[in-house]
Amino acid sequence: MVEDVMNNVKNSPFCLCSKPQITRNFQAYRDALEGLDSIIGYAIKANNNLKILEHLRKLGCGAVLVSGNEFRLALHARFDPTRCVNRLYPVFL
């Protein structure tokens, strides 16, 4: 399957992400933190692909932000601002 995608991509390098694997990874974190008052936050700087951000938000993930642009992306993906963790500017949110 990966080889099929590689053969059909005109530009290289490219990034191939697995939605089922992203879901499994999130569920593993959620299960490990069960019973704790916590927010699982995805660092938007790791990959700011809107479809990935929207999928993670739908799973219940929060967002980790280090810039105003990342905050705009989080809002565009419809993350709940109260579930966004700001790692740079204390008065950002």
PDB file of N, CA and C in Angstrom:
ATOM      1  N   MET A   1       0.821  -1.193   0.000  1.00  0.00           N
ATOM      2  CA  MET A   1       0.000   0.000   0.000  1.00  0.00           C
ATOM      3  C   MET A   1       0.867   1.260   0.000  1.00  0.00           C
ATOM      4  N   VAL A   2       1.872   1.319   0.874  1.00  0.00           N
ATOM      5  CA  VAL A   2       2.759   2.482   0.899  1.00  0.00           C
ATOM      6  C   VAL A   2       3.477   2.600  -0.438  1.00  0.00           C
ATOM      7  N   GLU A   3       3.894   1.478  -0.991  1.00  0.00           N
ATOM      8  CA  GLU A   3       4.565   1.513  -2.285  1.00  0.00           C
ATOM      9  C   GLU A   3       3.642   2.074  -3.367  1.00  0.00           C
ATOM     10  N   ASP A   4       2.351   1.738  -3.304  1.00  0.00           N
ATOM     11  CA  ASP A   4       1.391   2.274  -4.274  1.00  0.00           C
ATOM     12  C   ASP A   4       1.316   3.791  -4.176  1.00  0.00           C
ATOM     13  N   VAL A   5       1.276   4.296  -2.962  1.00  0.00           N
ATOM     14  CA  VAL A   5       1.224   5.746  -2.765  1.00  0.00           C
ATOM     15  C   VAL A   5       2.508   6.378  -3.281  1.00  0.00           C
ATOM     16  N   MET A   6       3.650   5.780  -2.925  1.00  0.00           N
ATOM     17  CA  MET A   6       4.936   6.327  -3.368  1.00  0.00           C
ATOM     18  C   MET A   6       5.016   6.401  -4.891  1.00  0.00           C
ATOM     19  N   ASN A   7       4.496   5.390  -5.555  1.00  0.00           N
ATOM     20  CA  ASN A   7       4.554   5.351  -7.017  1.00  0.00           C
ATOM     21  C   ASN A   7       3.635   6.385  -7.662  1.00  0.00           C
ATOM     22  N   ASN A   8       2.634   6.869  -6.928  1.00  0.00           N
ATOM     23  CA  ASN A   8       1.674   7.830  -7.480  1.00  0.00           C
ATOM     24  C   ASN A   8       1.927   9.262  -7.052  1.00  0.00           C
ATOM     25  N   VAL A   9       2.922   9.474  -6.207  1.00  0.00           N
ATOM     26  CA  VAL A   9       3.241  10.828  -5.752  1.00  0.00           C
ATOM     27  C   VAL A   9       4.276  11.420  -6.696  1.00  0.00           C
ATOM     28  N   LYS A  10       3.970  12.600  -7.195  1.00  0.00           N
ATOM     29  CA  LYS A  10       4.869  13.228  -8.163  1.00  0.00           C
ATOM     30  C   LYS A  10       6.027  13.961  -7.494  1.00  0.00           C
ATOM     31  N   ASN A  11       5.793  14.461  -6.288  1.00  0.00           N
ATOM     32  CA  ASN A  11       6.842  15.211  -5.580  1.00  0.00           C
ATOM     33  C   ASN A  11       7.433  14.365  -4.468  1.00  0.00           C
ATOM     34  N   SER A  12       8.699  14.525  -4.269  1.00  0.00           N
ATOM     35  CA  SER A  12       9.372  13.802  -3.205  1.00  0.00           C
ATOM     36  C   SER A  12      10.283  14.781  -2.485  1.00  0.00           C
ATOM     37  N   PRO A  13      10.461  14.718  -1.222  1.00  0.00           N
ATOM     38  CA  PRO A  13       9.831  13.766  -0.305  1.00  0.00           C
ATOM     39  C   PRO A  13       8.375  14.137  -0.037  1.00  0.00           C
ATOM     40  N   PHE A  14       7.643  13.221   0.561  1.00  0.00           N
ATOM     41  CA  PHE A  14       6.265  13.459   0.939  1.00  0.00           C
ATOM     42  C   PHE A  14       6.021  12.821   2.304  1.00  0.00           C
ATOM     43  N   CYS A  15       4.928  13.212   2.924  1.00  0.00           N
ATOM     44  CA  CYS A  15       4.585  12.705   4.252  1.00  0.00           C
ATOM     45  C   CYS A  15       3.304  11.894   4.142  1.00  0.00           C
ATOM     46  N   LEU A  16       3.338  10.667   4.608  1.00  0.00           N
ATOM     47  CA  LEU A  16       2.168   9.800   4.600  1.00  0.00           C
ATOM     48  C   LEU A  16       1.791   9.509   6.041  1.00  0.00           C
ATOM     49  N   CYS A  17       0.593   9.896   6.426  1.00  0.00           N
ATOM     50  CA  CYS A  17       0.126   9.693   7.802  1.00  0.00           C
ATOM     51  C   CYS A  17      -1.007   8.684   7.814  1.00  0.00           C
ATOM     52  N   SER A  18      -1.074   7.895   8.865  1.00  0.00           N
ATOM     53  CA  SER A  18      -2.112   6.886   9.015  1.00  0.00           C
ATOM     54  C   SER A  18      -3.148   7.368  10.029  1.00  0.00           C
ATOM     55  N   LYS A  19      -4.358   7.630   9.562  1.00  0.00           N
ATOM     56  CA  LYS A  19      -5.426   8.065  10.455  1.00  0.00           C
ATOM     57  C   LYS A  19      -5.716   7.010  11.531  1.00  0.00           C
ATOM     58  N   PRO A  20      -5.809   5.723  11.163  1.00  0.00           N
ATOM     59  CA  PRO A  20      -6.022   4.716  12.219  1.00  0.00           C
ATOM     60  C   PRO A  20      -4.894   4.692  13.262  1.00  0.00           C
ATOM     61  N   GLN A  21      -3.643   4.902  12.821  1.00  0.00           N
ATOM     62  CA  GLN A  21      -2.535   4.898  13.786  1.00  0.00           C
ATOM     63  C   GLN A  21      -2.582   6.122  14.678  1.00  0.00           C
ATOM     64  N   ILE A  22      -2.931   7.277  14.118  1.00  0.00           N
ATOM     65  CA  ILE A  22      -3.082   8.483  14.940  1.00  0.00           C
ATOM     66  C   ILE A  22      -4.156   8.247  15.995  1.00  0.00           C
ATOM     67  N   THR A  23      -5.266   7.622  15.589  1.00  0.00           N
ATOM     68  CA  THR A  23      -6.350   7.314  16.526  1.00  0.00           C
ATOM     69  C   THR A  23      -5.876   6.369  17.617  1.00  0.00           C
ATOM     70  N   ARG A  24      -5.166   5.314  17.247  1.00  0.00           N
ATOM     71  CA  ARG A  24      -4.647   4.361  18.241  1.00  0.00           C
ATOM     72  C   ARG A  24      -3.684   5.041  19.203  1.00  0.00           C
ATOM     73  N   ASN A  25      -2.825   5.906  18.692  1.00  0.00           N
ATOM     74  CA  ASN A  25      -1.872   6.601  19.562  1.00  0.00           C
ATOM     75  C   ASN A  25      -2.603   7.486  20.569  1.00  0.00           C
ATOM     76  N   PHE A  26      -3.612   8.221  20.091  1.00  0.00           N
ATOM     77  CA  PHE A  26      -4.375   9.067  21.002  1.00  0.00           C
ATOM     78  C   PHE A  26      -5.084   8.217  22.056  1.00  0.00           C
ATOM     79  N   GLN A  27      -5.703   7.132  21.635  1.00  0.00           N
ATOM     80  CA  GLN A  27      -6.420   6.274  22.574  1.00  0.00           C
ATOM     81  C   GLN A  27      -5.480   5.678  23.619  1.00  0.00           C
ATOM     82  N   ALA A  28      -4.259   5.362  23.230  1.00  0.00           N
ATOM     83  CA  ALA A  28      -3.286   4.822  24.181  1.00  0.00           C
ATOM     84  C   ALA A  28      -2.954   5.860  25.252  1.00  0.00           C
ATOM     85  N   TYR A  29      -2.752   7.117  24.834  1.00  0.00           N
ATOM     86  CA  TYR A  29      -2.509   8.186  25.812  1.00  0.00           C
ATOM     87  C   TYR A  29      -3.725   8.372  26.710  1.00  0.00           C
ATOM     88  N   ARG A  30      -4.910   8.412  26.102  1.00  0.00           N
ATOM     89  CA  ARG A  30      -6.144   8.609  26.871  1.00  0.00           C
ATOM     90  C   ARG A  30      -6.310   7.496  27.905  1.00  0.00           C
ATOM     91  N   ASP A  31      -6.081   6.256  27.494  1.00  0.00           N
ATOM     92  CA  ASP A  31      -6.217   5.123  28.409  1.00  0.00           C
ATOM     93  C   ASP A  31      -5.188   5.187  29.530  1.00  0.00           C
ATOM     94  N   ALA A  32      -3.960   5.595  29.198  1.00  0.00           N
ATOM     95  CA  ALA A  32      -2.901   5.679  30.212  1.00  0.00           C
ATOM     96  C   ALA A  32      -3.192   6.758  31.250  1.00  0.00           C
ATOM     97  N   LEU A  33      -3.915   7.796  30.852  1.00  0.00           N
ATOM     98  CA  LEU A  33      -4.202   8.916  31.756  1.00  0.00           C
ATOM     99  C   LEU A  33      -5.597   8.837  32.376  1.00  0.00           C
ATOM    100  N   GLU A  34      -6.278   7.720  32.173  1.00  0.00           N
ATOM    101  CA  GLU A  34      -7.641   7.576  32.682  1.00  0.00           C
ATOM    102  C   GLU A  34      -7.684   7.824  34.195  1.00  0.00           C
ATOM    103  N   GLY A  35      -8.647   8.629  34.598  1.00  0.00           N
ATOM    104  CA  GLY A  35      -8.814   8.944  36.009  1.00  0.00           C
ATOM    105  C   GLY A  35      -8.037  10.161  36.470  1.00  0.00           C
ATOM    106  N   LEU A  36      -7.172  10.681  35.636  1.00  0.00           N
ATOM    107  CA  LEU A  36      -6.401  11.866  35.990  1.00  0.00           C
ATOM    108  C   LEU A  36      -7.031  13.103  35.353  1.00  0.00           C
ATOM    109  N   ASP A  37      -6.932  14.227  36.026  1.00  0.00           N
ATOM    110  CA  ASP A  37      -7.399  15.486  35.460  1.00  0.00           C
ATOM    111  C   ASP A  37      -6.312  15.987  34.514  1.00  0.00           C
ATOM    112  N   SER A  38      -6.474  15.700  33.231  1.00  0.00           N
ATOM    113  CA  SER A  38      -5.399  16.009  32.289  1.00  0.00           C
ATOM    114  C   SER A  38      -5.974  16.402  30.935  1.00  0.00           C
ATOM    115  N   ILE A  39      -5.135  17.028  30.144  1.00  0.00           N
ATOM    116  CA  ILE A  39      -5.443  17.343  28.750  1.00  0.00           C
ATOM    117  C   ILE A  39      -4.334  16.741  27.902  1.00  0.00           C
ATOM    118  N   ILE A  40      -4.708  15.943  26.949  1.00  0.00           N
ATOM    119  CA  ILE A  40      -3.735  15.446  25.982  1.00  0.00           C
ATOM    120  C   ILE A  40      -3.622  16.527  24.919  1.00  0.00           C
ATOM    121  N   GLY A  41      -2.453  17.100  24.793  1.00  0.00           N
ATOM    122  CA  GLY A  41      -2.260  18.205  23.864  1.00  0.00           C
ATOM    123  C   GLY A  41      -1.330  17.838  22.731  1.00  0.00           C
ATOM    124  N   TYR A  42      -1.773  18.118  21.515  1.00  0.00           N
ATOM    125  CA  TYR A  42      -0.962  17.883  20.329  1.00  0.00           C
ATOM    126  C   TYR A  42      -0.180  19.143  20.009  1.00  0.00           C
ATOM    127  N   ALA A  43       1.127  19.026  19.852  1.00  0.00           N
ATOM    128  CA  ALA A  43       1.978  20.163  19.509  1.00  0.00           C
ATOM    129  C   ALA A  43       1.771  20.495  18.030  1.00  0.00           C
ATOM    130  N   ILE A  44       1.084  21.592  17.784  1.00  0.00           N
ATOM    131  CA  ILE A  44       0.757  21.968  16.415  1.00  0.00           C
ATOM    132  C   ILE A  44       2.009  22.142  15.568  1.00  0.00           C
ATOM    133  N   LYS A  45       3.123  22.544  16.184  1.00  0.00           N
ATOM    134  CA  LYS A  45       4.344  22.715  15.403  1.00  0.00           C
ATOM    135  C   LYS A  45       4.852  21.392  14.828  1.00  0.00           C
ATOM    136  N   ALA A  46       4.418  20.263  15.383  1.00  0.00           N
ATOM    137  CA  ALA A  46       4.862  18.960  14.887  1.00  0.00           C
ATOM    138  C   ALA A  46       4.324  18.672  13.493  1.00  0.00           C
ATOM    139  N   ASN A  47       3.082  19.064  13.253  1.00  0.00           N
ATOM    140  CA  ASN A  47       2.461  18.898  11.934  1.00  0.00           C
ATOM    141  C   ASN A  47       1.188  19.727  11.951  1.00  0.00           C
ATOM    142  N   ASN A  48       1.135  20.761  11.148  1.00  0.00           N
ATOM    143  CA  ASN A  48      -0.010  21.654  11.185  1.00  0.00           C
ATOM    144  C   ASN A  48      -1.026  21.363  10.077  1.00  0.00           C
ATOM    145  N   ASN A  49      -1.059  20.142   9.595  1.00  0.00           N
ATOM    146  CA  ASN A  49      -2.028  19.741   8.583  1.00  0.00           C
ATOM    147  C   ASN A  49      -3.436  19.839   9.170  1.00  0.00           C
ATOM    148  N   LEU A  50      -4.292  20.618   8.516  1.00  0.00           N
ATOM    149  CA  LEU A  50      -5.619  20.898   9.056  1.00  0.00           C
ATOM    150  C   LEU A  50      -6.437  19.630   9.269  1.00  0.00           C
ATOM    151  N   LYS A  51      -6.364  18.686   8.366  1.00  0.00           N
ATOM    152  CA  LYS A  51      -7.146  17.450   8.509  1.00  0.00           C
ATOM    153  C   LYS A  51      -6.692  16.647   9.731  1.00  0.00           C
ATOM    154  N   ILE A  52      -5.398  16.625   9.987  1.00  0.00           N
ATOM    155  CA  ILE A  52      -4.892  15.928  11.174  1.00  0.00           C
ATOM    156  C   ILE A  52      -5.342  16.657  12.430  1.00  0.00           C
ATOM    157  N   LEU A  53      -5.241  17.986  12.434  1.00  0.00           N
ATOM    158  CA  LEU A  53      -5.677  18.758  13.594  1.00  0.00           C
ATOM    159  C   LEU A  53      -7.163  18.553  13.863  1.00  0.00           C
ATOM    160  N   GLU A  54      -7.987  18.587  12.827  1.00  0.00           N
ATOM    161  CA  GLU A  54      -9.429  18.385  13.001  1.00  0.00           C
ATOM    162  C   GLU A  54      -9.727  16.988  13.550  1.00  0.00           C
ATOM    163  N   HIS A  55      -9.022  15.994  13.048  1.00  0.00           N
ATOM    164  CA  HIS A  55      -9.231  14.617  13.526  1.00  0.00           C
ATOM    165  C   HIS A  55      -8.876  14.505  15.007  1.00  0.00           C
ATOM    166  N   LEU A  56      -7.733  15.054  15.388  1.00  0.00           N
ATOM    167  CA  LEU A  56      -7.330  15.001  16.794  1.00  0.00           C
ATOM    168  C   LEU A  56      -8.322  15.746  17.687  1.00  0.00           C
ATOM    169  N   ARG A  57      -8.803  16.884  17.222  1.00  0.00           N
ATOM    170  CA  ARG A  57      -9.795  17.634  18.003  1.00  0.00           C
ATOM    171  C   ARG A  57     -11.057  16.811  18.198  1.00  0.00           C
ATOM    172  N   LYS A  58     -11.509  16.141  17.151  1.00  0.00           N
ATOM    173  CA  LYS A  58     -12.707  15.305  17.252  1.00  0.00           C
ATOM    174  C   LYS A  58     -12.516  14.161  18.235  1.00  0.00           C
ATOM    175  N   LEU A  59     -11.284  13.683  18.366  1.00  0.00           N
ATOM    176  CA  LEU A  59     -10.995  12.619  19.330  1.00  0.00           C
ATOM    177  C   LEU A  59     -11.002  13.127  20.774  1.00  0.00           C
ATOM    178  N   GLY A  60     -10.917  14.455  20.944  1.00  0.00           N
ATOM    179  CA  GLY A  60     -10.899  15.037  22.286  1.00  0.00           C
ATOM    180  C   GLY A  60      -9.563  15.616  22.673  1.00  0.00           C
ATOM    181  N   CYS A  61      -8.668  15.716  21.726  1.00  0.00           N
ATOM    182  CA  CYS A  61      -7.334  16.232  21.992  1.00  0.00           C
ATOM    183  C   CYS A  61      -7.368  17.754  22.149  1.00  0.00           C
ATOM    184  N   GLY A  62      -6.458  18.269  22.958  1.00  0.00           N
ATOM    185  CA  GLY A  62      -6.226  19.697  23.047  1.00  0.00           C
ATOM    186  C   GLY A  62      -5.049  20.058  22.161  1.00  0.00           C
ATOM    187  N   ALA A  63      -4.613  21.308  22.241  1.00  0.00           N
ATOM    188  CA  ALA A  63      -3.505  21.769  21.395  1.00  0.00           C
ATOM    189  C   ALA A  63      -2.445  22.446  22.246  1.00  0.00           C
ATOM    190  N   VAL A  64      -1.196  22.222  21.904  1.00  0.00           N
ATOM    191  CA  VAL A  64      -0.066  22.897  22.542  1.00  0.00           C
ATOM    192  C   VAL A  64       0.421  23.951  21.556  1.00  0.00           C
ATOM    193  N   LEU A  65       0.502  25.194  22.029  1.00  0.00           N
ATOM    194  CA  LEU A  65       0.790  26.332  21.165  1.00  0.00           C
ATOM    195  C   LEU A  65       2.057  27.049  21.595  1.00  0.00           C
ATOM    196  N   VAL A  66       2.808  27.552  20.617  1.00  0.00           N
ATOM    197  CA  VAL A  66       3.978  28.377  20.944  1.00  0.00           C
ATOM    198  C   VAL A  66       3.988  29.684  20.156  1.00  0.00           C
ATOM    199  N   SER A  67       2.913  29.957  19.403  1.00  0.00           N
ATOM    200  CA  SER A  67       2.881  31.210  18.636  1.00  0.00           C
ATOM    201  C   SER A  67       1.441  31.613  18.354  1.00  0.00           C
ATOM    202  N   GLY A  68       1.293  32.858  17.966  1.00  0.00           N
ATOM    203  CA  GLY A  68      -0.013  33.343  17.579  1.00  0.00           C
ATOM    204  C   GLY A  68      -0.534  32.627  16.346  1.00  0.00           C
ATOM    205  N   ASN A  69       0.356  32.293  15.418  1.00  0.00           N
ATOM    206  CA  ASN A  69      -0.063  31.566  14.225  1.00  0.00           C
ATOM    207  C   ASN A  69      -0.605  30.186  14.595  1.00  0.00           C
ATOM    208  N   GLU A  70       0.037  29.519  15.541  1.00  0.00           N
ATOM    209  CA  GLU A  70      -0.457  28.210  15.970  1.00  0.00           C
ATOM    210  C   GLU A  70      -1.813  28.344  16.654  1.00  0.00           C
ATOM    211  N   PHE A  71      -2.021  29.439  17.389  1.00  0.00           N
ATOM    212  CA  PHE A  71      -3.318  29.678  18.007  1.00  0.00           C
ATOM    213  C   PHE A  71      -4.381  29.875  16.919  1.00  0.00           C
ATOM    214  N   ARG A  72      -4.055  30.611  15.862  1.00  0.00           N
ATOM    215  CA  ARG A  72      -4.996  30.793  14.751  1.00  0.00           C
ATOM    216  C   ARG A  72      -5.318  29.455  14.085  1.00  0.00           C
ATOM    217  N   LEU A  73      -4.299  28.610  13.899  1.00  0.00           N
ATOM    218  CA  LEU A  73      -4.534  27.289  13.319  1.00  0.00           C
ATOM    219  C   LEU A  73      -5.425  26.445  14.226  1.00  0.00           C
ATOM    220  N   ALA A  74      -5.186  26.519  15.529  1.00  0.00           N
ATOM    221  CA  ALA A  74      -6.020  25.764  16.478  1.00  0.00           C
ATOM    222  C   ALA A  74      -7.470  26.225  16.401  1.00  0.00           C
ATOM    223  N   LEU A  75      -7.683  27.514  16.324  1.00  0.00           N
ATOM    224  CA  LEU A  75      -9.045  28.038  16.209  1.00  0.00           C
ATOM    225  C   LEU A  75      -9.669  27.633  14.873  1.00  0.00           C
ATOM    226  N   HIS A  76      -8.870  27.663  13.815  1.00  0.00           N
ATOM    227  CA  HIS A  76      -9.366  27.266  12.495  1.00  0.00           C
ATOM    228  C   HIS A  76      -9.791  25.791  12.496  1.00  0.00           C
ATOM    229  N   ALA A  77      -9.072  24.957  13.241  1.00  0.00           N
ATOM    230  CA  ALA A  77      -9.411  23.537  13.367  1.00  0.00           C
ATOM    231  C   ALA A  77     -10.510  23.317  14.409  1.00  0.00           C
ATOM    232  N   ARG A  78     -10.972  24.422  15.026  1.00  0.00           N
ATOM    233  CA  ARG A  78     -12.069  24.437  15.995  1.00  0.00           C
ATOM    234  C   ARG A  78     -11.725  23.775  17.331  1.00  0.00           C
ATOM    235  N   PHE A  79     -10.440  23.857  17.728  1.00  0.00           N
ATOM    236  CA  PHE A  79     -10.078  23.417  19.077  1.00  0.00           C
ATOM    237  C   PHE A  79     -10.748  24.351  20.083  1.00  0.00           C
ATOM    238  N   ASP A  80     -11.130  23.799  21.210  1.00  0.00           N
ATOM    239  CA  ASP A  80     -11.678  24.589  22.309  1.00  0.00           C
ATOM    240  C   ASP A  80     -10.511  25.370  22.927  1.00  0.00           C
ATOM    241  N   PRO A  81     -10.579  26.704  22.941  1.00  0.00           N
ATOM    242  CA  PRO A  81      -9.464  27.484  23.505  1.00  0.00           C
ATOM    243  C   PRO A  81      -9.132  27.130  24.954  1.00  0.00           C
ATOM    244  N   THR A  82     -10.108  26.623  25.697  1.00  0.00           N
ATOM    245  CA  THR A  82      -9.826  26.239  27.093  1.00  0.00           C
ATOM    246  C   THR A  82      -9.044  24.936  27.167  1.00  0.00           C
ATOM    247  N   ARG A  83      -8.887  24.263  26.039  1.00  0.00           N
ATOM    248  CA  ARG A  83      -8.083  23.036  25.992  1.00  0.00           C
ATOM    249  C   ARG A  83      -6.783  23.255  25.223  1.00  0.00           C
ATOM    250  N   CYS A  84      -6.399  24.519  25.073  1.00  0.00           N
ATOM    251  CA  CYS A  84      -5.139  24.872  24.420  1.00  0.00           C
ATOM    252  C   CYS A  84      -4.128  25.250  25.498  1.00  0.00           C
ATOM    253  N   VAL A  85      -2.959  24.679  25.395  1.00  0.00           N
ATOM    254  CA  VAL A  85      -1.899  24.935  26.355  1.00  0.00           C
ATOM    255  C   VAL A  85      -0.865  25.828  25.679  1.00  0.00           C
ATOM    256  N   ASN A  86      -0.656  26.998  26.238  1.00  0.00           N
ATOM    257  CA  ASN A  86       0.274  27.967  25.688  1.00  0.00           C
ATOM    258  C   ASN A  86       1.635  27.764  26.345  1.00  0.00           C
ATOM    259  N   ARG A  87       2.643  27.451  25.571  1.00  0.00           N
ATOM    260  CA  ARG A  87       3.972  27.139  26.113  1.00  0.00           C
ATOM    261  C   ARG A  87       4.952  28.304  25.995  1.00  0.00           C
ATOM    262  N   LEU A  88       4.522  29.475  25.507  1.00  0.00           N
ATOM    263  CA  LEU A  88       5.483  30.538  25.305  1.00  0.00           C
ATOM    264  C   LEU A  88       5.071  31.844  25.952  1.00  0.00           C
ATOM    265  N   TYR A  89       3.887  32.287  25.681  1.00  0.00           N
ATOM    266  CA  TYR A  89       3.452  33.599  26.150  1.00  0.00           C
ATOM    267  C   TYR A  89       2.438  33.444  27.275  1.00  0.00           C
ATOM    268  N   PRO A  90       2.787  33.798  28.513  1.00  0.00           N
ATOM    269  CA  PRO A  90       1.868  33.589  29.644  1.00  0.00           C
ATOM    270  C   PRO A  90       0.533  34.306  29.505  1.00  0.00           C
ATOM    271  N   VAL A  91       0.474  35.402  28.794  1.00  0.00           N
ATOM    272  CA  VAL A  91      -0.780  36.138  28.673  1.00  0.00           C
ATOM    273  C   VAL A  91      -1.389  35.970  27.286  1.00  0.00           C
ATOM    274  N   PHE A  92      -0.932  34.989  26.541  1.00  0.00           N
ATOM    275  CA  PHE A  92      -1.376  34.769  25.171  1.00  0.00           C
ATOM    276  C   PHE A  92      -2.870  34.483  25.086  1.00  0.00           C
ATOM    277  N   LEU A  93      -3.370  33.611  25.939  1.00  0.00           N
ATOM    278  CA  LEU A  93      -4.784  33.263  25.910  1.00  0.00           C
ATOM    279  C   LEU A  93      -5.456  34.105  26.926  1.00  0.00           C
TER     280      LEU A  93
END
